[in-house]
Amino acid sequence: MSIDPFAKHVWPLAHGRTLALGPRAVLMGILNVTPDSFSDGGKFAALDSALRQAEEMAAAGAVIIDVGGESTRPGADPVSSAEEQARVLPVIEALARRSDMILSVDTYRADTARLAIQAGAHIVNDVWGLQKERGLAGIAAETGAGLVIMHTGREREKLPDPVEDQFHFLNRSLEIAAEAGVRPDQIVLDPGFGFAKDTSENITLIARFVELRELRHPWLVGTSRKRFLGKITGREAAERGVGTAATSVALRLAGAAIFRVHDVAINADALKVADAILARRA
């Protein structure tokens, strides 16, 4: 049985914070403090530029700032945990001191997650869905952090049906979380658009997104500037804001709660329209 994705759900986060999900779309601004991310690599690697970008995204409507120190684009060079931490921890510490933004750390490493939460992060966003470093689940359980569990098709054999594969992968991730003591209300799921998925698979997930409600958790979606939008529109990465906003509206109407984006303002406007439609339906 699915849940009503538009009913209020209080998401508990680290440091006693909470975030209401459901009645209104929530924007998460992407802050890549990396030299090699696929569309903005190097632009925000310096601390001052990262802080300015975070403040600009918050002013445009981002409620969460997601700080990442390792590129997840296909073919990106891996970095050590020490390098990742050197990139993200100063930014998180500075943002925590100077604002009341809700802060997320984009990492699959347990040690980085622990240090980021100590530095002020409220959410851990794991692109490997707890299946790269299972110890991360224990960090979430100990700290009470919000936990985003993402689906990925990387480094494994996928099932032919992309929706069936979501259930196959994410149910295992949810088992790992439960075994570590993570409370169900701490968890938000992410279908992992673009992570070992071709254009057809990404579009199928959008078209059939309502089926994912059966997993009974709120959903975060991250289509922003992804390659499949380039395939559809012919646009380069930095020019895919309108295409991203179109998918944000489609996914909001289908029940997504949080939208991880580079172009905050355009998605904020698009999602206000989607929320107005949902309010009229109600």
C-alpha atoms as a PDB file:
ATOM      1  CA  MET A   1       0.000   0.000   0.000  1.00  0.00           C
ATOM      2  CA  SER A   2       1.388   3.414  -0.965  1.00  0.00           C
ATOM      3  CA  ILE A   3       1.382   6.555   1.143  1.00  0.00           C
ATOM      4  CA  ASP A   4      -0.016   9.989   0.337  1.00  0.00           C
ATOM      5  CA  PRO A   5       3.098  11.869  -0.817  1.00  0.00           C
ATOM      6  CA  PHE A   6       1.432  15.253  -0.377  1.00  0.00           C
ATOM      7  CA  ALA A   7       0.446  14.759   3.273  1.00  0.00           C
ATOM      8  CA  LYS A   8       2.755  16.356   5.836  1.00  0.00           C
ATOM      9  CA  HIS A   9       5.725  14.230   6.846  1.00  0.00           C
ATOM     10  CA  VAL A  10       8.149  15.569   9.456  1.00  0.00           C
ATOM     11  CA  TRP A  11      11.684  14.554   8.531  1.00  0.00           C
ATOM     12  CA  PRO A  12      13.918  14.436  11.653  1.00  0.00           C
ATOM     13  CA  LEU A  13      17.478  15.612  11.076  1.00  0.00           C
ATOM     14  CA  ALA A  14      20.698  15.857  13.079  1.00  0.00           C
ATOM     15  CA  HIS A  15      21.169  18.574  15.727  1.00  0.00           C
ATOM     16  CA  GLY A  16      17.472  18.613  16.588  1.00  0.00           C
ATOM     17  CA  ARG A  17      16.358  20.071  13.259  1.00  0.00           C
ATOM     18  CA  THR A  18      13.303  18.913  11.325  1.00  0.00           C
ATOM     19  CA  LEU A  19      11.930  19.573   7.856  1.00  0.00           C
ATOM     20  CA  ALA A  20       8.319  19.314   6.719  1.00  0.00           C
ATOM     21  CA  LEU A  21       7.876  17.358   3.504  1.00  0.00           C
ATOM     22  CA  GLY A  22       4.770  16.773   1.421  1.00  0.00           C
ATOM     23  CA  PRO A  23       2.506  19.828   1.109  1.00  0.00           C
ATOM     24  CA  ARG A  24       5.139  21.975  -0.654  1.00  0.00           C
ATOM     25  CA  ALA A  25       8.092  21.080  -2.840  1.00  0.00           C
ATOM     26  CA  VAL A  26      11.475  21.449  -1.152  1.00  0.00           C
ATOM     27  CA  LEU A  27      14.545  22.570  -3.082  1.00  0.00           C
ATOM     28  CA  MET A  28      18.046  21.258  -2.409  1.00  0.00           C
ATOM     29  CA  GLY A  29      20.805  23.358  -3.957  1.00  0.00           C
ATOM     30  CA  ILE A  30      23.845  21.527  -5.327  1.00  0.00           C
ATOM     31  CA  LEU A  31      27.196  22.825  -4.074  1.00  0.00           C
ATOM     32  CA  ASN A  32      30.049  20.902  -5.677  1.00  0.00           C
ATOM     33  CA  VAL A  33      33.353  21.875  -4.063  1.00  0.00           C
ATOM     34  CA  THR A  34      35.241  19.787  -6.613  1.00  0.00           C
ATOM     35  CA  PRO A  35      37.502  20.549  -9.587  1.00  0.00           C
ATOM     36  CA  ASP A  36      35.829  18.036 -11.919  1.00  0.00           C
ATOM     37  CA  SER A  37      32.043  17.868 -11.490  1.00  0.00           C
ATOM     38  CA  PHE A  38      30.295  17.484 -14.813  1.00  0.00           C
ATOM     39  CA  SER A  39      28.730  20.941 -15.204  1.00  0.00           C
ATOM     40  CA  ASP A  40      30.299  23.261 -12.619  1.00  0.00           C
ATOM     41  CA  GLY A  41      33.623  21.659 -11.719  1.00  0.00           C
ATOM     42  CA  GLY A  42      36.050  24.127 -10.160  1.00  0.00           C
ATOM     43  CA  LYS A  43      33.629  27.051  -9.960  1.00  0.00           C
ATOM     44  CA  PHE A  44      33.050  26.707  -6.216  1.00  0.00           C
ATOM     45  CA  ALA A  45      36.201  24.937  -5.028  1.00  0.00           C
ATOM     46  CA  ALA A  46      37.427  28.022  -3.138  1.00  0.00           C
ATOM     47  CA  LEU A  47      35.777  28.626   0.233  1.00  0.00           C
ATOM     48  CA  ASP A  48      34.625  32.195  -0.495  1.00  0.00           C
ATOM     49  CA  SER A  49      33.010  31.252  -3.796  1.00  0.00           C
ATOM     50  CA  ALA A  50      31.333  28.221  -2.215  1.00  0.00           C
ATOM     51  CA  LEU A  51      29.836  30.327   0.569  1.00  0.00           C
ATOM     52  CA  ARG A  52      28.582  32.943  -1.901  1.00  0.00           C
ATOM     53  CA  GLN A  53      26.979  30.260  -4.046  1.00  0.00           C
ATOM     54  CA  ALA A  54      25.263  28.711  -1.033  1.00  0.00           C
ATOM     55  CA  GLU A  55      23.868  32.091   0.001  1.00  0.00           C
ATOM     56  CA  GLU A  56      22.666  32.813  -3.537  1.00  0.00           C
ATOM     57  CA  MET A  57      20.924  29.454  -3.762  1.00  0.00           C
ATOM     58  CA  ALA A  58      19.266  29.985  -0.389  1.00  0.00           C
ATOM     59  CA  ALA A  59      18.067  33.422  -1.478  1.00  0.00           C
ATOM     60  CA  ALA A  60      16.603  31.863  -4.626  1.00  0.00           C
ATOM     61  CA  GLY A  61      14.609  29.328  -2.615  1.00  0.00           C
ATOM     62  CA  ALA A  62      16.881  26.426  -1.659  1.00  0.00           C
ATOM     63  CA  VAL A  63      15.993  25.075   1.783  1.00  0.00           C
ATOM     64  CA  ILE A  64      18.839  22.519   1.817  1.00  0.00           C
ATOM     65  CA  ILE A  65      22.419  22.972   0.602  1.00  0.00           C
ATOM     66  CA  ASP A  66      24.049  19.700  -0.471  1.00  0.00           C
ATOM     67  CA  VAL A  67      27.853  19.875  -0.231  1.00  0.00           C
ATOM     68  CA  GLY A  68      29.853  17.342  -2.228  1.00  0.00           C
ATOM     69  CA  GLY A  69      33.605  16.808  -2.373  1.00  0.00           C
ATOM     70  CA  GLU A  70      33.911  13.984  -4.914  1.00  0.00           C
ATOM     71  CA  SER A  71      32.525  14.069  -8.445  1.00  0.00           C
ATOM     72  CA  THR A  72      30.022  11.306  -9.203  1.00  0.00           C
ATOM     73  CA  ARG A  73      30.062  11.825 -12.975  1.00  0.00           C
ATOM     74  CA  PRO A  74      30.855   8.697 -15.031  1.00  0.00           C
ATOM     75  CA  GLY A  75      34.603   8.200 -15.321  1.00  0.00           C
ATOM     76  CA  ALA A  76      35.533  10.686 -12.596  1.00  0.00           C
ATOM     77  CA  ASP A  77      38.765  10.021 -10.723  1.00  0.00           C
ATOM     78  CA  PRO A  78      38.157   8.808  -7.160  1.00  0.00           C
ATOM     79  CA  VAL A  79      39.520  10.865  -4.283  1.00  0.00           C
ATOM     80  CA  SER A  80      40.700   9.801  -0.845  1.00  0.00           C
ATOM     81  CA  SER A  81      38.566  10.339   2.227  1.00  0.00           C
ATOM     82  CA  ALA A  82      41.154  12.863   3.442  1.00  0.00           C
ATOM     83  CA  GLU A  83      40.846  14.905   0.247  1.00  0.00           C
ATOM     84  CA  GLU A  84      37.053  14.726   0.330  1.00  0.00           C
ATOM     85  CA  GLN A  85      37.036  15.932   3.923  1.00  0.00           C
ATOM     86  CA  ALA A  86      39.488  18.739   3.188  1.00  0.00           C
ATOM     87  CA  ARG A  87      37.054  19.997   0.574  1.00  0.00           C
ATOM     88  CA  VAL A  88      33.711  19.694   2.366  1.00  0.00           C
ATOM     89  CA  LEU A  89      34.384  20.204   6.081  1.00  0.00           C
ATOM     90  CA  PRO A  90      35.518  23.866   5.931  1.00  0.00           C
ATOM     91  CA  VAL A  91      32.459  24.750   3.841  1.00  0.00           C
ATOM     92  CA  ILE A  92      30.045  22.963   6.175  1.00  0.00           C
ATOM     93  CA  GLU A  93      31.660  24.486   9.263  1.00  0.00           C
ATOM     94  CA  ALA A  94      31.506  27.997   7.801  1.00  0.00           C
ATOM     95  CA  LEU A  95      27.898  27.657   6.646  1.00  0.00           C
ATOM     96  CA  ALA A  96      26.848  26.235  10.018  1.00  0.00           C
ATOM     97  CA  ARG A  97      28.423  29.210  11.804  1.00  0.00           C
ATOM     98  CA  ARG A  98      26.958  31.937   9.631  1.00  0.00           C
ATOM     99  CA  SER A  99      23.448  30.702   8.764  1.00  0.00           C
ATOM    100  CA  ASP A 100      20.590  28.435   9.760  1.00  0.00           C
ATOM    101  CA  MET A 101      20.585  26.623   6.407  1.00  0.00           C
ATOM    102  CA  ILE A 102      19.856  22.924   6.480  1.00  0.00           C
ATOM    103  CA  LEU A 103      23.093  21.296   5.344  1.00  0.00           C
ATOM    104  CA  SER A 104      23.593  17.983   3.605  1.00  0.00           C
ATOM    105  CA  VAL A 105      26.842  16.156   2.886  1.00  0.00           C
ATOM    106  CA  ASP A 106      27.012  14.176  -0.346  1.00  0.00           C
ATOM    107  CA  THR A 107      29.167  11.187   0.629  1.00  0.00           C
ATOM    108  CA  TYR A 108      29.134   7.408   0.861  1.00  0.00           C
ATOM    109  CA  ARG A 109      31.990   7.292   3.387  1.00  0.00           C
ATOM    110  CA  ALA A 110      31.164   6.692   7.051  1.00  0.00           C
ATOM    111  CA  ASP A 111      34.139   8.667   8.356  1.00  0.00           C
ATOM    112  CA  THR A 112      33.312  11.686   6.200  1.00  0.00           C
ATOM    113  CA  ALA A 113      29.671  11.508   7.258  1.00  0.00           C
ATOM    114  CA  ARG A 114      30.582  11.470  10.949  1.00  0.00           C
ATOM    115  CA  LEU A 115      32.941  14.444  10.647  1.00  0.00           C
ATOM    116  CA  ALA A 116      30.478  16.392   8.491  1.00  0.00           C
ATOM    117  CA  ILE A 117      27.717  15.959  11.048  1.00  0.00           C
ATOM    118  CA  GLN A 118      30.100  17.076  13.787  1.00  0.00           C
ATOM    119  CA  ALA A 119      30.866  20.124  11.630  1.00  0.00           C
ATOM    120  CA  GLY A 120      27.159  20.978  11.389  1.00  0.00           C
ATOM    121  CA  ALA A 121      25.584  18.857   8.648  1.00  0.00           C
ATOM    122  CA  HIS A 122      22.020  17.663   9.211  1.00  0.00           C
ATOM    123  CA  ILE A 123      21.631  15.157   6.352  1.00  0.00           C
ATOM    124  CA  VAL A 124      23.785  12.466   4.743  1.00  0.00           C
ATOM    125  CA  ASN A 125      23.161  11.886   1.035  1.00  0.00           C
ATOM    126  CA  ASP A 126      24.583   8.505  -0.026  1.00  0.00           C
ATOM    127  CA  VAL A 127      24.738   7.849  -3.775  1.00  0.00           C
ATOM    128  CA  TRP A 128      25.591   4.186  -3.152  1.00  0.00           C
ATOM    129  CA  GLY A 129      22.504   3.526  -1.048  1.00  0.00           C
ATOM    130  CA  LEU A 130      24.468   2.178   1.966  1.00  0.00           C
ATOM    131  CA  GLN A 131      25.843  -0.619  -0.215  1.00  0.00           C
ATOM    132  CA  LYS A 132      29.372   0.789  -0.589  1.00  0.00           C
ATOM    133  CA  GLU A 133      30.063   1.452   3.107  1.00  0.00           C
ATOM    134  CA  ARG A 134      27.425  -0.042   5.358  1.00  0.00           C
ATOM    135  CA  GLY A 135      28.941   1.701   8.364  1.00  0.00           C
ATOM    136  CA  LEU A 136      27.334   4.905   7.161  1.00  0.00           C
ATOM    137  CA  ALA A 137      23.957   3.552   8.302  1.00  0.00           C
ATOM    138  CA  GLY A 138      25.314   3.286  11.835  1.00  0.00           C
ATOM    139  CA  ILE A 139      26.404   6.938  11.732  1.00  0.00           C
ATOM    140  CA  ALA A 140      22.881   7.974  10.755  1.00  0.00           C
ATOM    141  CA  ALA A 141      21.414   5.865  13.542  1.00  0.00           C
ATOM    142  CA  GLU A 142      23.788   7.286  16.176  1.00  0.00           C
ATOM    143  CA  THR A 143      23.391  10.926  15.185  1.00  0.00           C
ATOM    144  CA  GLY A 144      19.743  11.022  14.115  1.00  0.00           C
ATOM    145  CA  ALA A 145      20.744  12.553  10.787  1.00  0.00           C
ATOM    146  CA  GLY A 146      18.402  12.591   7.864  1.00  0.00           C
ATOM    147  CA  LEU A 147      19.474   9.889   5.416  1.00  0.00           C
ATOM    148  CA  VAL A 148      19.032   9.964   1.649  1.00  0.00           C
ATOM    149  CA  ILE A 149      19.384   6.471   0.181  1.00  0.00           C
ATOM    150  CA  MET A 150      19.972   6.555  -3.569  1.00  0.00           C
ATOM    151  CA  HIS A 151      19.544   3.797  -6.127  1.00  0.00           C
ATOM    152  CA  THR A 152      22.446   3.123  -8.443  1.00  0.00           C
ATOM    153  CA  GLY A 153      23.051   0.660 -11.236  1.00  0.00           C
ATOM    154  CA  ARG A 154      26.819   0.965 -11.075  1.00  0.00           C
ATOM    155  CA  GLU A 155      29.093  -2.035 -10.499  1.00  0.00           C
ATOM    156  CA  ARG A 156      26.326  -4.632 -10.653  1.00  0.00           C
ATOM    157  CA  GLU A 157      23.898  -6.414 -12.969  1.00  0.00           C
ATOM    158  CA  LYS A 158      20.585  -4.595 -13.221  1.00  0.00           C
ATOM    159  CA  LEU A 159      17.185  -6.168 -13.741  1.00  0.00           C
ATOM    160  CA  PRO A 160      15.684  -5.472 -17.197  1.00  0.00           C
ATOM    161  CA  ASP A 161      12.750  -3.461 -15.826  1.00  0.00           C
ATOM    162  CA  PRO A 162      14.076  -0.189 -14.328  1.00  0.00           C
ATOM    163  CA  VAL A 163      11.189   0.092 -11.856  1.00  0.00           C
ATOM    164  CA  GLU A 164      11.588  -3.500 -10.683  1.00  0.00           C
ATOM    165  CA  ASP A 165      15.302  -2.813 -10.233  1.00  0.00           C
ATOM    166  CA  GLN A 166      14.463   0.118  -7.950  1.00  0.00           C
ATOM    167  CA  PHE A 167      12.610  -2.228  -5.607  1.00  0.00           C
ATOM    168  CA  HIS A 168      15.334  -4.877  -5.854  1.00  0.00           C
ATOM    169  CA  PHE A 169      18.148  -2.483  -4.892  1.00  0.00           C
ATOM    170  CA  LEU A 170      16.374  -0.173  -2.466  1.00  0.00           C
ATOM    171  CA  ASN A 171      14.723  -2.922  -0.444  1.00  0.00           C
ATOM    172  CA  ARG A 172      18.214  -4.249   0.305  1.00  0.00           C
ATOM    173  CA  SER A 173      19.335  -0.736   1.280  1.00  0.00           C
ATOM    174  CA  LEU A 174      16.357  -0.412   3.614  1.00  0.00           C
ATOM    175  CA  GLU A 175      17.262  -3.744   5.223  1.00  0.00           C
ATOM    176  CA  ILE A 176      20.799  -2.455   5.875  1.00  0.00           C
ATOM    177  CA  ALA A 177      19.383   0.720   7.415  1.00  0.00           C
ATOM    178  CA  ALA A 178      16.989  -1.197   9.662  1.00  0.00           C
ATOM    179  CA  GLU A 179      19.738  -3.592  10.800  1.00  0.00           C
ATOM    180  CA  ALA A 180      21.825  -0.575  11.859  1.00  0.00           C
ATOM    181  CA  GLY A 181      18.973   0.972  13.836  1.00  0.00           C
ATOM    182  CA  VAL A 182      18.018   3.786  11.456  1.00  0.00           C
ATOM    183  CA  ARG A 183      14.419   4.817  12.091  1.00  0.00           C
ATOM    184  CA  PRO A 184      12.112   4.704   9.049  1.00  0.00           C
ATOM    185  CA  ASP A 185      11.195   8.380   9.463  1.00  0.00           C
ATOM    186  CA  GLN A 186      14.867   9.358   8.989  1.00  0.00           C
ATOM    187  CA  ILE A 187      14.913   7.956   5.444  1.00  0.00           C
ATOM    188  CA  VAL A 188      14.268   9.640   2.110  1.00  0.00           C
ATOM    189  CA  LEU A 189      14.767   7.645  -1.104  1.00  0.00           C
ATOM    190  CA  ASP A 190      16.265   8.762  -4.423  1.00  0.00           C
ATOM    191  CA  PRO A 191      15.793   6.851  -7.733  1.00  0.00           C
ATOM    192  CA  GLY A 192      19.261   7.893  -8.907  1.00  0.00           C
ATOM    193  CA  PHE A 193      18.544   9.458 -12.275  1.00  0.00           C
ATOM    194  CA  GLY A 194      21.568   9.114 -14.533  1.00  0.00           C
ATOM    195  CA  PHE A 195      23.462   6.623 -12.386  1.00  0.00           C
ATOM    196  CA  ALA A 196      24.059   3.771 -14.854  1.00  0.00           C
ATOM    197  CA  LYS A 197      20.751   4.522 -16.556  1.00  0.00           C
ATOM    198  CA  ASP A 198      20.274   5.373 -20.227  1.00  0.00           C
ATOM    199  CA  THR A 199      17.795   7.886 -21.622  1.00  0.00           C
ATOM    200  CA  SER A 200      15.039   5.305 -21.999  1.00  0.00           C
ATOM    201  CA  GLU A 201      15.445   4.101 -18.422  1.00  0.00           C
ATOM    202  CA  ASN A 202      15.397   7.645 -17.031  1.00  0.00           C
ATOM    203  CA  ILE A 203      12.240   8.533 -18.950  1.00  0.00           C
ATOM    204  CA  THR A 204      10.614   5.271 -17.868  1.00  0.00           C
ATOM    205  CA  LEU A 205      11.294   6.153 -14.228  1.00  0.00           C
ATOM    206  CA  ILE A 206       9.646   9.543 -14.688  1.00  0.00           C
ATOM    207  CA  ALA A 207       6.653   8.067 -16.516  1.00  0.00           C
ATOM    208  CA  ARG A 208       6.151   5.345 -13.887  1.00  0.00           C
ATOM    209  CA  PHE A 209       7.278   7.287 -10.829  1.00  0.00           C
ATOM    210  CA  VAL A 210       3.972   6.805  -9.006  1.00  0.00           C
ATOM    211  CA  GLU A 211       4.745   3.087  -8.722  1.00  0.00           C
ATOM    212  CA  LEU A 212       7.661   3.886  -6.414  1.00  0.00           C
ATOM    213  CA  ARG A 213       5.283   5.144  -3.729  1.00  0.00           C
ATOM    214  CA  GLU A 214       4.908   1.503  -2.707  1.00  0.00           C
ATOM    215  CA  LEU A 215       8.230   1.827  -0.879  1.00  0.00           C
ATOM    216  CA  ARG A 216       6.457   4.118   1.605  1.00  0.00           C
ATOM    217  CA  HIS A 217       9.119   6.799   1.998  1.00  0.00           C
ATOM    218  CA  PRO A 218       9.391  10.382   0.721  1.00  0.00           C
ATOM    219  CA  TRP A 219      11.426  10.834  -2.467  1.00  0.00           C
ATOM    220  CA  LEU A 220      14.254  13.126  -3.474  1.00  0.00           C
ATOM    221  CA  VAL A 221      14.912  13.448  -7.209  1.00  0.00           C
ATOM    222  CA  GLY A 222      18.013  14.721  -8.983  1.00  0.00           C
ATOM    223  CA  THR A 223      17.567  15.144 -12.731  1.00  0.00           C
ATOM    224  CA  SER A 224      19.439  18.454 -12.805  1.00  0.00           C
ATOM    225  CA  ARG A 225      21.431  18.977 -16.030  1.00  0.00           C
ATOM    226  CA  LYS A 226      21.722  15.213 -16.521  1.00  0.00           C
ATOM    227  CA  ARG A 227      22.975  13.745 -19.777  1.00  0.00           C
ATOM    228  CA  PHE A 228      19.586  12.287 -20.739  1.00  0.00           C
ATOM    229  CA  LEU A 229      18.180  15.833 -20.833  1.00  0.00           C
ATOM    230  CA  GLY A 230      20.948  16.724 -23.259  1.00  0.00           C
ATOM    231  CA  LYS A 231      19.995  13.760 -25.423  1.00  0.00           C
ATOM    232  CA  ILE A 232      16.396  14.969 -25.506  1.00  0.00           C
ATOM    233  CA  THR A 233      16.964  18.722 -25.900  1.00  0.00           C
ATOM    234  CA  GLY A 234      20.338  18.889 -27.641  1.00  0.00           C
ATOM    235  CA  ARG A 235      21.529  21.320 -24.951  1.00  0.00           C
ATOM    236  CA  GLU A 236      24.900  21.386 -23.228  1.00  0.00           C
ATOM    237  CA  ALA A 237      24.944  20.799 -19.463  1.00  0.00           C
ATOM    238  CA  ALA A 238      24.829  24.461 -18.372  1.00  0.00           C
ATOM    239  CA  GLU A 239      21.832  25.069 -20.675  1.00  0.00           C
ATOM    240  CA  ARG A 240      19.580  22.318 -19.318  1.00  0.00           C
ATOM    241  CA  GLY A 241      17.790  24.354 -16.640  1.00  0.00           C
ATOM    242  CA  VAL A 242      14.470  24.480 -18.520  1.00  0.00           C
ATOM    243  CA  GLY A 243      14.598  20.766 -19.263  1.00  0.00           C
ATOM    244  CA  THR A 244      15.343  20.113 -15.614  1.00  0.00           C
ATOM    245  CA  ALA A 245      12.376  22.241 -14.536  1.00  0.00           C
ATOM    246  CA  ALA A 246      10.087  20.258 -16.846  1.00  0.00           C
ATOM    247  CA  THR A 247      11.100  17.026 -15.145  1.00  0.00           C
ATOM    248  CA  SER A 248      10.746  18.669 -11.718  1.00  0.00           C
ATOM    249  CA  VAL A 249       7.121  19.525 -12.466  1.00  0.00           C
ATOM    250  CA  ALA A 250       6.356  16.045 -13.811  1.00  0.00           C
ATOM    251  CA  LEU A 251       7.935  14.395 -10.780  1.00  0.00           C
ATOM    252  CA  ARG A 252       6.292  16.748  -8.305  1.00  0.00           C
ATOM    253  CA  LEU A 253       2.869  15.980  -9.724  1.00  0.00           C
ATOM    254  CA  ALA A 254       3.740  12.286  -9.393  1.00  0.00           C
ATOM    255  CA  GLY A 255       4.696  12.658  -5.723  1.00  0.00           C
ATOM    256  CA  ALA A 256       8.372  13.662  -5.350  1.00  0.00           C
ATOM    257  CA  ALA A 257       9.128  15.808  -2.300  1.00  0.00           C
ATOM    258  CA  ILE A 258      12.693  17.168  -2.650  1.00  0.00           C
ATOM    259  CA  PHE A 259      14.391  18.446  -5.801  1.00  0.00           C
ATOM    260  CA  ARG A 260      18.193  18.503  -5.999  1.00  0.00           C
ATOM    261  CA  VAL A 261      19.087  21.177  -8.565  1.00  0.00           C
ATOM    262  CA  HIS A 262      21.814  23.497  -9.830  1.00  0.00           C
ATOM    263  CA  ASP A 263      19.435  26.176 -11.168  1.00  0.00           C
ATOM    264  CA  VAL A 264      17.395  26.999  -8.091  1.00  0.00           C
ATOM    265  CA  ALA A 265      15.358  29.994  -9.271  1.00  0.00           C
ATOM    266  CA  ILE A 266      13.903  28.423 -12.417  1.00  0.00           C
ATOM    267  CA  ASN A 267      12.989  25.227 -10.577  1.00  0.00           C
ATOM    268  CA  ALA A 268      11.494  27.214  -7.691  1.00  0.00           C
ATOM    269  CA  ASP A 269       9.136  28.982 -10.099  1.00  0.00           C
ATOM    270  CA  ALA A 270       8.217  25.766 -11.900  1.00  0.00           C
ATOM    271  CA  LEU A 271       7.498  23.965  -8.648  1.00  0.00           C
ATOM    272  CA  LYS A 272       5.317  26.806  -7.373  1.00  0.00           C
ATOM    273  CA  VAL A 273       3.135  26.205 -10.419  1.00  0.00           C
ATOM    274  CA  ALA A 274       3.086  22.465  -9.736  1.00  0.00           C
ATOM    275  CA  ASP A 275       2.138  23.064  -6.102  1.00  0.00           C
ATOM    276  CA  ALA A 276      -0.675  25.399  -7.188  1.00  0.00           C
ATOM    277  CA  ILE A 277      -2.048  22.627  -9.396  1.00  0.00           C
ATOM    278  CA  LEU A 278      -1.818  20.129  -6.552  1.00  0.00           C
ATOM    279  CA  ALA A 279      -3.589  22.545  -4.181  1.00  0.00           C
ATOM    280  CA  ARG A 280      -6.446  22.925  -6.653  1.00  0.00           C
ATOM    281  CA  ARG A 281      -6.710  19.152  -7.023  1.00  0.00           C
ATOM    282  CA  ALA A 282      -6.943  18.817  -3.245  1.00  0.00           C
END
